[in-house]
Structures are given as C-alpha cells and as structure tokens.
Amino acid sequence: MRSTGLRLAGTLSIGLLALLFGGCGSNNTGRIVGTWKITSTSKPVEELDQVRSMGLASAWNFKADGTVELTVVPELTDPDTVKLAESTAEGMKKKNLTGKYTLGIGNLVTFSDSPRLFGSGLLRAEVVVTGDVMELRDSAGFTMRFARVR
C-alpha cells in the first residue's frame, strides 16, 4: 500500500512538473536562423566602426545546425562595395570566426566554443526577435541590435 502511494505521488509530481515546464521552450525557435547585420550597440565598438567606414556591416550568420559565424555584408549596393564584402567574408572564413549557439528557455541563448568571438568562450544573452529586428543583451547590459539581411 505504501509503495503504491509513493508511486502515485511520484507520478503526480512528474505530471505537475511537465505541466509547469512543458511550455517553457525557446521563443527563438525557427526565428533566429539567417544572417543578421549589426545596426547599433549600446557602447562604441571600434572594430564595428572600422568595418562601417569601408561601407560594410558586421553580421552574424546563424545556421540551423547550431553554429554561428561572424561575417560582413555590404551596406551599399555599388559593385565595388559588394566585391569588397565578398572578399572580406572569404578572408574571415579562413580565420574560423565561428561558434555555437544553443536556444534556452524563453529568450535565453547561450553562445559557446569561440573565445575569438565571445571573449571567455561562453556568452549567455537574452535575445528578442521582433519581425526583422533582433536585440541581444548580455548580463552586463551591453546591447546589440541587428536587422535581418534579406
């Protein structure tokens, strides 16, 4: 009798946990994949300013396999800027500026496996996607805004 009561209590507990946490998936599922150019930051970033001065924008390319790659896209559509963006992006690929991302509960995204991109090699951030705009905010309050590249 006692083991039946414990089994029932355990089953009810597991069922309650499933109800409470079952709907706690990522808000970014199916929304983050693609190329996003950085449009603004909450603090100046010298490297981004240097890229902008060439008519380019730094961008993050999120892939469905959980990898993210730093690249550049042209800000202008003239042939010289487009060619510069293509050659710069190729050079960046050789430097292996990639990492991994994992979607967490709600807006949480964890970036890992790239000290060259994320300093310590691990970054947890709140990422909110609204249409073609994405905002990333880390625990220190640094914010980056992105626009989807079409």
N, C-alpha and C. Protein backbone atom coordinates (compact mmCIF):
# COMPACT_ATOMS: atom_id res chain seq x y z
N MET A 1 0.82 -1.18 0.00
CA MET A 1 0.00 0.00 0.00
C MET A 1 0.87 1.25 0.00
N ARG A 2 1.90 1.24 0.86
CA ARG A 2 2.78 2.41 0.95
C ARG A 2 3.51 2.66 -0.37
N SER A 3 3.98 1.60 -1.03
CA SER A 3 4.70 1.78 -2.29
C SER A 3 3.76 2.29 -3.38
N THR A 4 2.50 1.92 -3.35
CA THR A 4 1.53 2.42 -4.32
C THR A 4 1.32 3.91 -4.10
N GLY A 5 1.24 4.35 -2.85
CA GLY A 5 1.08 5.77 -2.53
C GLY A 5 2.29 6.58 -2.97
N LEU A 6 3.49 6.04 -2.75
CA LEU A 6 4.70 6.73 -3.18
C LEU A 6 4.77 6.80 -4.70
N ARG A 7 4.39 5.71 -5.35
CA ARG A 7 4.41 5.68 -6.81
C ARG A 7 3.42 6.71 -7.37
N LEU A 8 2.23 6.79 -6.78
CA LEU A 8 1.22 7.74 -7.22
C LEU A 8 1.71 9.17 -7.00
N ALA A 9 2.31 9.43 -5.84
CA ALA A 9 2.84 10.78 -5.55
C ALA A 9 3.95 11.14 -6.53
N GLY A 10 4.82 10.19 -6.85
CA GLY A 10 5.89 10.43 -7.82
C GLY A 10 5.34 10.72 -9.20
N THR A 11 4.34 9.94 -9.61
CA THR A 11 3.72 10.15 -10.91
C THR A 11 3.04 11.52 -10.98
N LEU A 12 2.34 11.88 -9.92
CA LEU A 12 1.68 13.20 -9.88
C LEU A 12 2.72 14.32 -9.92
N SER A 13 3.81 14.14 -9.21
CA SER A 13 4.87 15.16 -9.21
C SER A 13 5.46 15.34 -10.59
N ILE A 14 5.74 14.24 -11.26
CA ILE A 14 6.29 14.31 -12.62
C ILE A 14 5.28 14.96 -13.56
N GLY A 15 4.02 14.62 -13.43
CA GLY A 15 2.98 15.23 -14.26
C GLY A 15 2.86 16.72 -14.02
N LEU A 16 2.95 17.14 -12.76
CA LEU A 16 2.88 18.55 -12.42
C LEU A 16 4.08 19.30 -13.01
N LEU A 17 5.27 18.73 -12.90
CA LEU A 17 6.46 19.36 -13.49
C LEU A 17 6.33 19.47 -15.00
N ALA A 18 5.79 18.45 -15.63
CA ALA A 18 5.60 18.51 -17.08
C ALA A 18 4.64 19.62 -17.46
N LEU A 19 3.58 19.80 -16.68
CA LEU A 19 2.63 20.88 -16.95
C LEU A 19 3.27 22.25 -16.76
N LEU A 20 4.06 22.37 -15.69
CA LEU A 20 4.68 23.66 -15.38
C LEU A 20 5.75 24.05 -16.39
N PHE A 21 6.57 23.09 -16.79
CA PHE A 21 7.71 23.40 -17.64
C PHE A 21 7.56 22.94 -19.09
N GLY A 22 6.50 22.27 -19.40
CA GLY A 22 6.31 21.77 -20.75
C GLY A 22 6.22 22.87 -21.79
N GLY A 23 5.67 24.00 -21.44
CA GLY A 23 5.54 25.10 -22.39
C GLY A 23 6.67 26.09 -22.31
N CYS A 24 7.78 25.73 -21.70
CA CYS A 24 8.89 26.66 -21.49
C CYS A 24 9.98 26.49 -22.53
N GLY A 25 9.62 26.37 -23.77
CA GLY A 25 10.62 26.25 -24.83
C GLY A 25 11.20 27.61 -25.16
N SER A 26 11.96 27.65 -26.21
CA SER A 26 12.59 28.88 -26.64
C SER A 26 11.62 29.74 -27.45
N ASN A 27 11.66 31.03 -27.20
CA ASN A 27 10.88 31.98 -28.01
C ASN A 27 11.53 32.20 -29.37
N ASN A 28 12.76 31.72 -29.55
CA ASN A 28 13.52 31.97 -30.77
C ASN A 28 13.56 30.80 -31.74
N THR A 29 12.88 29.71 -31.41
CA THR A 29 12.86 28.55 -32.29
C THR A 29 12.30 28.96 -33.65
N GLY A 30 13.07 28.68 -34.70
CA GLY A 30 12.63 28.99 -36.05
C GLY A 30 12.72 30.46 -36.43
N ARG A 31 13.21 31.31 -35.53
CA ARG A 31 13.24 32.75 -35.79
C ARG A 31 14.65 33.32 -35.92
N ILE A 32 15.64 32.63 -35.40
CA ILE A 32 16.99 33.19 -35.30
C ILE A 32 17.87 32.80 -36.49
N VAL A 33 17.52 31.73 -37.18
CA VAL A 33 18.34 31.25 -38.30
C VAL A 33 18.32 32.28 -39.43
N GLY A 34 19.52 32.57 -39.95
CA GLY A 34 19.66 33.53 -41.04
C GLY A 34 20.81 34.48 -40.75
N THR A 35 20.97 35.46 -41.61
CA THR A 35 22.04 36.44 -41.46
C THR A 35 21.47 37.73 -40.92
N TRP A 36 22.13 38.25 -39.88
CA TRP A 36 21.68 39.45 -39.18
C TRP A 36 22.84 40.44 -39.13
N LYS A 37 22.65 41.63 -39.69
CA LYS A 37 23.71 42.64 -39.62
C LYS A 37 23.52 43.49 -38.38
N ILE A 38 24.64 43.87 -37.78
CA ILE A 38 24.62 44.69 -36.57
C ILE A 38 24.31 46.13 -36.99
N THR A 39 23.26 46.70 -36.40
CA THR A 39 22.87 48.07 -36.74
C THR A 39 23.26 49.07 -35.66
N SER A 40 23.36 48.61 -34.41
CA SER A 40 23.76 49.52 -33.34
C SER A 40 24.19 48.72 -32.12
N THR A 41 24.95 49.39 -31.25
CA THR A 41 25.39 48.82 -29.98
C THR A 41 25.20 49.86 -28.89
N SER A 42 25.07 49.40 -27.66
CA SER A 42 24.86 50.33 -26.55
C SER A 42 26.13 51.08 -26.17
N LYS A 43 27.28 50.55 -26.57
CA LYS A 43 28.58 51.20 -26.33
C LYS A 43 29.36 51.13 -27.64
N PRO A 44 30.23 52.12 -27.89
CA PRO A 44 31.03 52.08 -29.14
C PRO A 44 31.92 50.83 -29.19
N VAL A 45 32.03 50.27 -30.38
CA VAL A 45 32.90 49.13 -30.63
C VAL A 45 33.78 49.51 -31.82
N GLU A 46 35.06 49.71 -31.56
CA GLU A 46 35.98 50.22 -32.57
C GLU A 46 35.99 49.38 -33.85
N GLU A 47 35.99 48.06 -33.70
CA GLU A 47 36.05 47.19 -34.86
C GLU A 47 34.83 47.38 -35.76
N LEU A 48 33.66 47.58 -35.16
CA LEU A 48 32.45 47.79 -35.96
C LEU A 48 32.53 49.11 -36.71
N ASP A 49 33.08 50.12 -36.07
CA ASP A 49 33.24 51.42 -36.73
C ASP A 49 34.20 51.32 -37.92
N GLN A 50 35.26 50.54 -37.75
CA GLN A 50 36.22 50.35 -38.85
C GLN A 50 35.55 49.67 -40.04
N VAL A 51 34.74 48.67 -39.77
CA VAL A 51 34.04 47.95 -40.83
C VAL A 51 33.07 48.90 -41.53
N ARG A 52 32.33 49.69 -40.74
CA ARG A 52 31.37 50.64 -41.32
C ARG A 52 32.06 51.67 -42.22
N SER A 53 33.26 52.08 -41.83
CA SER A 53 33.98 53.09 -42.61
C SER A 53 34.33 52.58 -44.01
N MET A 54 34.28 51.27 -44.22
CA MET A 54 34.55 50.68 -45.54
C MET A 54 33.25 50.43 -46.32
N GLY A 55 32.11 50.84 -45.76
CA GLY A 55 30.84 50.61 -46.43
C GLY A 55 30.27 49.22 -46.18
N LEU A 56 30.78 48.56 -45.14
CA LEU A 56 30.35 47.20 -44.81
C LEU A 56 29.66 47.20 -43.45
N ALA A 57 28.96 46.12 -43.16
CA ALA A 57 28.36 45.92 -41.85
C ALA A 57 28.78 44.55 -41.33
N SER A 58 29.14 44.49 -40.06
CA SER A 58 29.42 43.19 -39.43
C SER A 58 28.10 42.46 -39.30
N ALA A 59 28.14 41.15 -39.47
CA ALA A 59 26.92 40.36 -39.41
C ALA A 59 27.19 39.02 -38.75
N TRP A 60 26.15 38.46 -38.17
CA TRP A 60 26.20 37.12 -37.60
C TRP A 60 25.30 36.23 -38.44
N ASN A 61 25.83 35.10 -38.88
CA ASN A 61 25.08 34.15 -39.68
C ASN A 61 24.75 32.94 -38.81
N PHE A 62 23.48 32.83 -38.41
CA PHE A 62 23.02 31.72 -37.58
C PHE A 62 22.55 30.61 -38.50
N LYS A 63 23.10 29.41 -38.29
CA LYS A 63 22.72 28.26 -39.11
C LYS A 63 21.85 27.31 -38.30
N ALA A 64 21.05 26.53 -39.00
CA ALA A 64 20.11 25.61 -38.35
C ALA A 64 20.82 24.54 -37.53
N ASP A 65 22.09 24.26 -37.85
CA ASP A 65 22.83 23.22 -37.12
C ASP A 65 23.39 23.71 -35.78
N GLY A 66 23.06 24.95 -35.39
CA GLY A 66 23.51 25.47 -34.10
C GLY A 66 24.85 26.19 -34.16
N THR A 67 25.35 26.46 -35.36
CA THR A 67 26.59 27.24 -35.46
C THR A 67 26.26 28.69 -35.82
N VAL A 68 27.16 29.58 -35.41
CA VAL A 68 27.04 31.00 -35.74
C VAL A 68 28.40 31.44 -36.27
N GLU A 69 28.37 32.24 -37.33
CA GLU A 69 29.60 32.66 -37.98
C GLU A 69 29.60 34.18 -38.10
N LEU A 70 30.72 34.79 -37.77
CA LEU A 70 30.88 36.23 -37.95
C LEU A 70 31.27 36.47 -39.40
N THR A 71 30.60 37.41 -40.06
CA THR A 71 30.88 37.72 -41.45
C THR A 71 30.64 39.21 -41.68
N VAL A 72 30.68 39.63 -42.91
CA VAL A 72 30.35 41.02 -43.27
C VAL A 72 29.38 41.00 -44.45
N VAL A 73 28.58 42.06 -44.53
CA VAL A 73 27.67 42.26 -45.65
C VAL A 73 27.83 43.70 -46.12
N PRO A 74 27.55 43.96 -47.40
CA PRO A 74 27.68 45.33 -47.89
C PRO A 74 26.56 46.21 -47.37
N GLU A 75 26.91 47.45 -46.98
CA GLU A 75 25.89 48.43 -46.61
C GLU A 75 25.37 49.13 -47.86
N LEU A 76 26.22 49.21 -48.87
CA LEU A 76 25.87 49.86 -50.13
C LEU A 76 25.80 48.81 -51.22
N THR A 77 25.09 49.11 -52.28
CA THR A 77 24.92 48.11 -53.33
C THR A 77 25.81 48.33 -54.55
N ASP A 78 26.72 49.30 -54.46
CA ASP A 78 27.60 49.51 -55.61
C ASP A 78 28.52 48.30 -55.78
N PRO A 79 28.92 48.00 -57.01
CA PRO A 79 29.72 46.79 -57.28
C PRO A 79 31.02 46.70 -56.49
N ASP A 80 31.70 47.83 -56.27
CA ASP A 80 32.97 47.79 -55.54
C ASP A 80 32.76 47.38 -54.08
N THR A 81 31.71 47.89 -53.45
CA THR A 81 31.43 47.54 -52.05
C THR A 81 31.01 46.08 -51.95
N VAL A 82 30.19 45.63 -52.87
CA VAL A 82 29.77 44.22 -52.87
C VAL A 82 30.98 43.31 -53.03
N LYS A 83 31.89 43.65 -53.94
CA LYS A 83 33.10 42.85 -54.15
C LYS A 83 33.98 42.85 -52.90
N LEU A 84 34.12 44.03 -52.25
CA LEU A 84 34.89 44.12 -51.01
C LEU A 84 34.28 43.24 -49.93
N ALA A 85 32.96 43.26 -49.81
CA ALA A 85 32.27 42.44 -48.81
C ALA A 85 32.53 40.96 -49.06
N GLU A 86 32.46 40.55 -50.31
CA GLU A 86 32.69 39.13 -50.65
C GLU A 86 34.11 38.70 -50.31
N SER A 87 35.09 39.51 -50.68
CA SER A 87 36.48 39.12 -50.41
C SER A 87 36.79 39.16 -48.91
N THR A 88 36.22 40.14 -48.19
CA THR A 88 36.42 40.22 -46.74
C THR A 88 35.79 39.03 -46.04
N ALA A 89 34.58 38.65 -46.46
CA ALA A 89 33.91 37.49 -45.87
C ALA A 89 34.71 36.22 -46.09
N GLU A 90 35.31 36.07 -47.28
CA GLU A 90 36.13 34.89 -47.56
C GLU A 90 37.35 34.86 -46.63
N GLY A 91 37.99 36.01 -46.45
CA GLY A 91 39.14 36.09 -45.54
C GLY A 91 38.76 35.76 -44.11
N MET A 92 37.56 36.19 -43.71
CA MET A 92 37.10 35.90 -42.34
C MET A 92 36.85 34.42 -42.14
N LYS A 93 36.37 33.73 -43.17
CA LYS A 93 36.14 32.29 -43.07
C LYS A 93 37.44 31.55 -42.75
N LYS A 94 38.53 32.03 -43.32
CA LYS A 94 39.84 31.40 -43.08
C LYS A 94 40.29 31.58 -41.64
N LYS A 95 39.80 32.62 -40.97
CA LYS A 95 40.16 32.87 -39.57
C LYS A 95 39.29 32.08 -38.60
N ASN A 96 38.31 31.34 -39.15
CA ASN A 96 37.44 30.49 -38.35
C ASN A 96 36.74 31.27 -37.23
N LEU A 97 36.04 32.32 -37.59
CA LEU A 97 35.31 33.13 -36.62
C LEU A 97 33.91 32.56 -36.44
N THR A 98 33.86 31.33 -35.92
CA THR A 98 32.60 30.65 -35.72
C THR A 98 32.46 30.21 -34.27
N GLY A 99 31.26 29.93 -33.89
CA GLY A 99 30.97 29.42 -32.56
C GLY A 99 29.69 28.60 -32.64
N LYS A 100 29.17 28.27 -31.48
CA LYS A 100 27.92 27.52 -31.41
C LYS A 100 26.92 28.32 -30.60
N TYR A 101 25.66 28.11 -30.88
CA TYR A 101 24.62 28.71 -30.07
C TYR A 101 23.61 27.65 -29.69
N THR A 102 23.03 27.81 -28.52
CA THR A 102 22.02 26.89 -28.02
C THR A 102 20.85 27.72 -27.53
N LEU A 103 19.66 27.41 -28.01
CA LEU A 103 18.46 28.11 -27.57
C LEU A 103 18.05 27.57 -26.21
N GLY A 104 17.81 28.47 -25.28
CA GLY A 104 17.38 28.09 -23.95
C GLY A 104 15.91 28.40 -23.74
N ILE A 105 15.50 28.43 -22.51
CA ILE A 105 14.11 28.72 -22.15
C ILE A 105 13.83 30.20 -22.40
N GLY A 106 12.67 30.48 -22.97
CA GLY A 106 12.28 31.87 -23.23
C GLY A 106 13.19 32.52 -24.24
N ASN A 107 13.81 33.63 -23.85
CA ASN A 107 14.68 34.39 -24.76
C ASN A 107 16.16 34.10 -24.55
N LEU A 108 16.50 33.15 -23.69
CA LEU A 108 17.89 32.86 -23.37
C LEU A 108 18.57 32.12 -24.52
N VAL A 109 19.75 32.63 -24.92
CA VAL A 109 20.58 31.96 -25.91
C VAL A 109 21.99 31.89 -25.34
N THR A 110 22.62 30.73 -25.42
CA THR A 110 23.99 30.55 -24.95
C THR A 110 24.89 30.38 -26.16
N PHE A 111 25.95 31.20 -26.21
CA PHE A 111 26.95 31.13 -27.27
C PHE A 111 28.20 30.51 -26.68
N SER A 112 28.83 29.59 -27.41
CA SER A 112 30.00 28.89 -26.86
C SER A 112 30.98 28.52 -27.96
N ASP A 113 32.10 27.96 -27.51
CA ASP A 113 33.12 27.38 -28.39
C ASP A 113 33.78 28.38 -29.32
N SER A 114 33.88 29.64 -28.88
CA SER A 114 34.59 30.59 -29.71
C SER A 114 35.14 31.74 -28.88
N PRO A 115 36.29 31.53 -28.24
CA PRO A 115 36.89 32.63 -27.48
C PRO A 115 37.19 33.84 -28.36
N ARG A 116 37.42 33.60 -29.65
CA ARG A 116 37.72 34.73 -30.56
C ARG A 116 36.49 35.61 -30.76
N LEU A 117 35.30 35.04 -30.63
CA LEU A 117 34.08 35.82 -30.80
C LEU A 117 33.54 36.34 -29.47
N PHE A 118 33.59 35.53 -28.44
CA PHE A 118 32.89 35.85 -27.21
C PHE A 118 33.80 36.05 -26.00
N GLY A 119 35.05 36.35 -26.23
CA GLY A 119 35.96 36.62 -25.12
C GLY A 119 36.27 35.40 -24.30
N SER A 120 35.47 35.12 -23.30
CA SER A 120 35.73 33.98 -22.42
C SER A 120 35.41 32.65 -23.08
N GLY A 121 34.76 32.71 -24.23
CA GLY A 121 34.37 31.47 -24.89
C GLY A 121 32.94 31.08 -24.59
N LEU A 122 32.28 31.79 -23.65
CA LEU A 122 30.91 31.49 -23.29
C LEU A 122 30.17 32.80 -23.05
N LEU A 123 29.03 32.93 -23.69
CA LEU A 123 28.20 34.13 -23.52
C LEU A 123 26.76 33.70 -23.40
N ARG A 124 26.11 34.12 -22.33
CA ARG A 124 24.66 33.89 -22.19
C ARG A 124 24.00 35.24 -22.36
N ALA A 125 22.99 35.28 -23.22
CA ALA A 125 22.35 36.55 -23.52
C ALA A 125 20.85 36.35 -23.71
N GLU A 126 20.13 37.44 -23.49
CA GLU A 126 18.71 37.47 -23.81
C GLU A 126 18.62 37.95 -25.26
N VAL A 127 17.94 37.20 -26.08
CA VAL A 127 17.79 37.54 -27.49
C VAL A 127 16.30 37.62 -27.81
N VAL A 128 15.89 38.80 -28.27
CA VAL A 128 14.48 39.02 -28.61
C VAL A 128 14.39 39.33 -30.10
N VAL A 129 13.59 38.54 -30.79
CA VAL A 129 13.38 38.74 -32.22
C VAL A 129 11.96 39.25 -32.42
N THR A 130 11.87 40.42 -33.07
CA THR A 130 10.57 41.01 -33.40
C THR A 130 10.59 41.32 -34.90
N GLY A 131 9.95 40.47 -35.67
CA GLY A 131 9.96 40.65 -37.12
C GLY A 131 11.37 40.53 -37.66
N ASP A 132 11.85 41.59 -38.32
CA ASP A 132 13.19 41.58 -38.90
C ASP A 132 14.21 42.31 -38.04
N VAL A 133 13.90 42.48 -36.76
CA VAL A 133 14.81 43.13 -35.81
C VAL A 133 15.12 42.15 -34.68
N MET A 134 16.40 42.06 -34.33
CA MET A 134 16.82 41.21 -33.22
C MET A 134 17.64 42.06 -32.26
N GLU A 135 17.40 41.87 -30.97
CA GLU A 135 18.18 42.57 -29.95
C GLU A 135 18.80 41.54 -29.03
N LEU A 136 20.10 41.68 -28.80
CA LEU A 136 20.86 40.80 -27.92
C LEU A 136 21.35 41.63 -26.75
N ARG A 137 21.09 41.16 -25.53
CA ARG A 137 21.53 41.87 -24.32
C ARG A 137 22.22 40.87 -23.40
N ASP A 138 23.48 41.19 -23.03
CA ASP A 138 24.19 40.28 -22.14
C ASP A 138 23.94 40.66 -20.68
N SER A 139 24.50 39.89 -19.76
CA SER A 139 24.24 40.11 -18.33
C SER A 139 24.82 41.42 -17.80
N ALA A 140 25.81 41.98 -18.51
CA ALA A 140 26.39 43.26 -18.11
C ALA A 140 25.60 44.45 -18.66
N GLY A 141 24.57 44.17 -19.47
CA GLY A 141 23.73 45.23 -20.02
C GLY A 141 24.14 45.70 -21.40
N PHE A 142 25.22 45.13 -21.95
CA PHE A 142 25.64 45.51 -23.31
C PHE A 142 24.59 45.00 -24.29
N THR A 143 24.17 45.87 -25.19
CA THR A 143 23.10 45.54 -26.13
C THR A 143 23.58 45.72 -27.57
N MET A 144 23.19 44.77 -28.41
CA MET A 144 23.44 44.87 -29.85
C MET A 144 22.10 44.72 -30.54
N ARG A 145 21.85 45.59 -31.52
CA ARG A 145 20.65 45.47 -32.36
C ARG A 145 21.07 45.01 -33.75
N PHE A 146 20.26 44.15 -34.31
CA PHE A 146 20.53 43.57 -35.62
C PHE A 146 19.31 43.76 -36.52
N ALA A 147 19.54 43.76 -37.81
CA ALA A 147 18.47 43.73 -38.81
C ALA A 147 18.69 42.51 -39.68
N ARG A 148 17.61 41.80 -39.99
CA ARG A 148 17.71 40.62 -40.83
C ARG A 148 18.16 41.03 -42.23
N VAL A 149 19.09 40.27 -42.79
CA VAL A 149 19.56 40.51 -44.15
C VAL A 149 18.72 39.64 -45.08
N ARG A 150 18.10 40.26 -46.03
CA ARG A 150 17.26 39.52 -46.98
C ARG A 150 17.98 39.28 -48.28
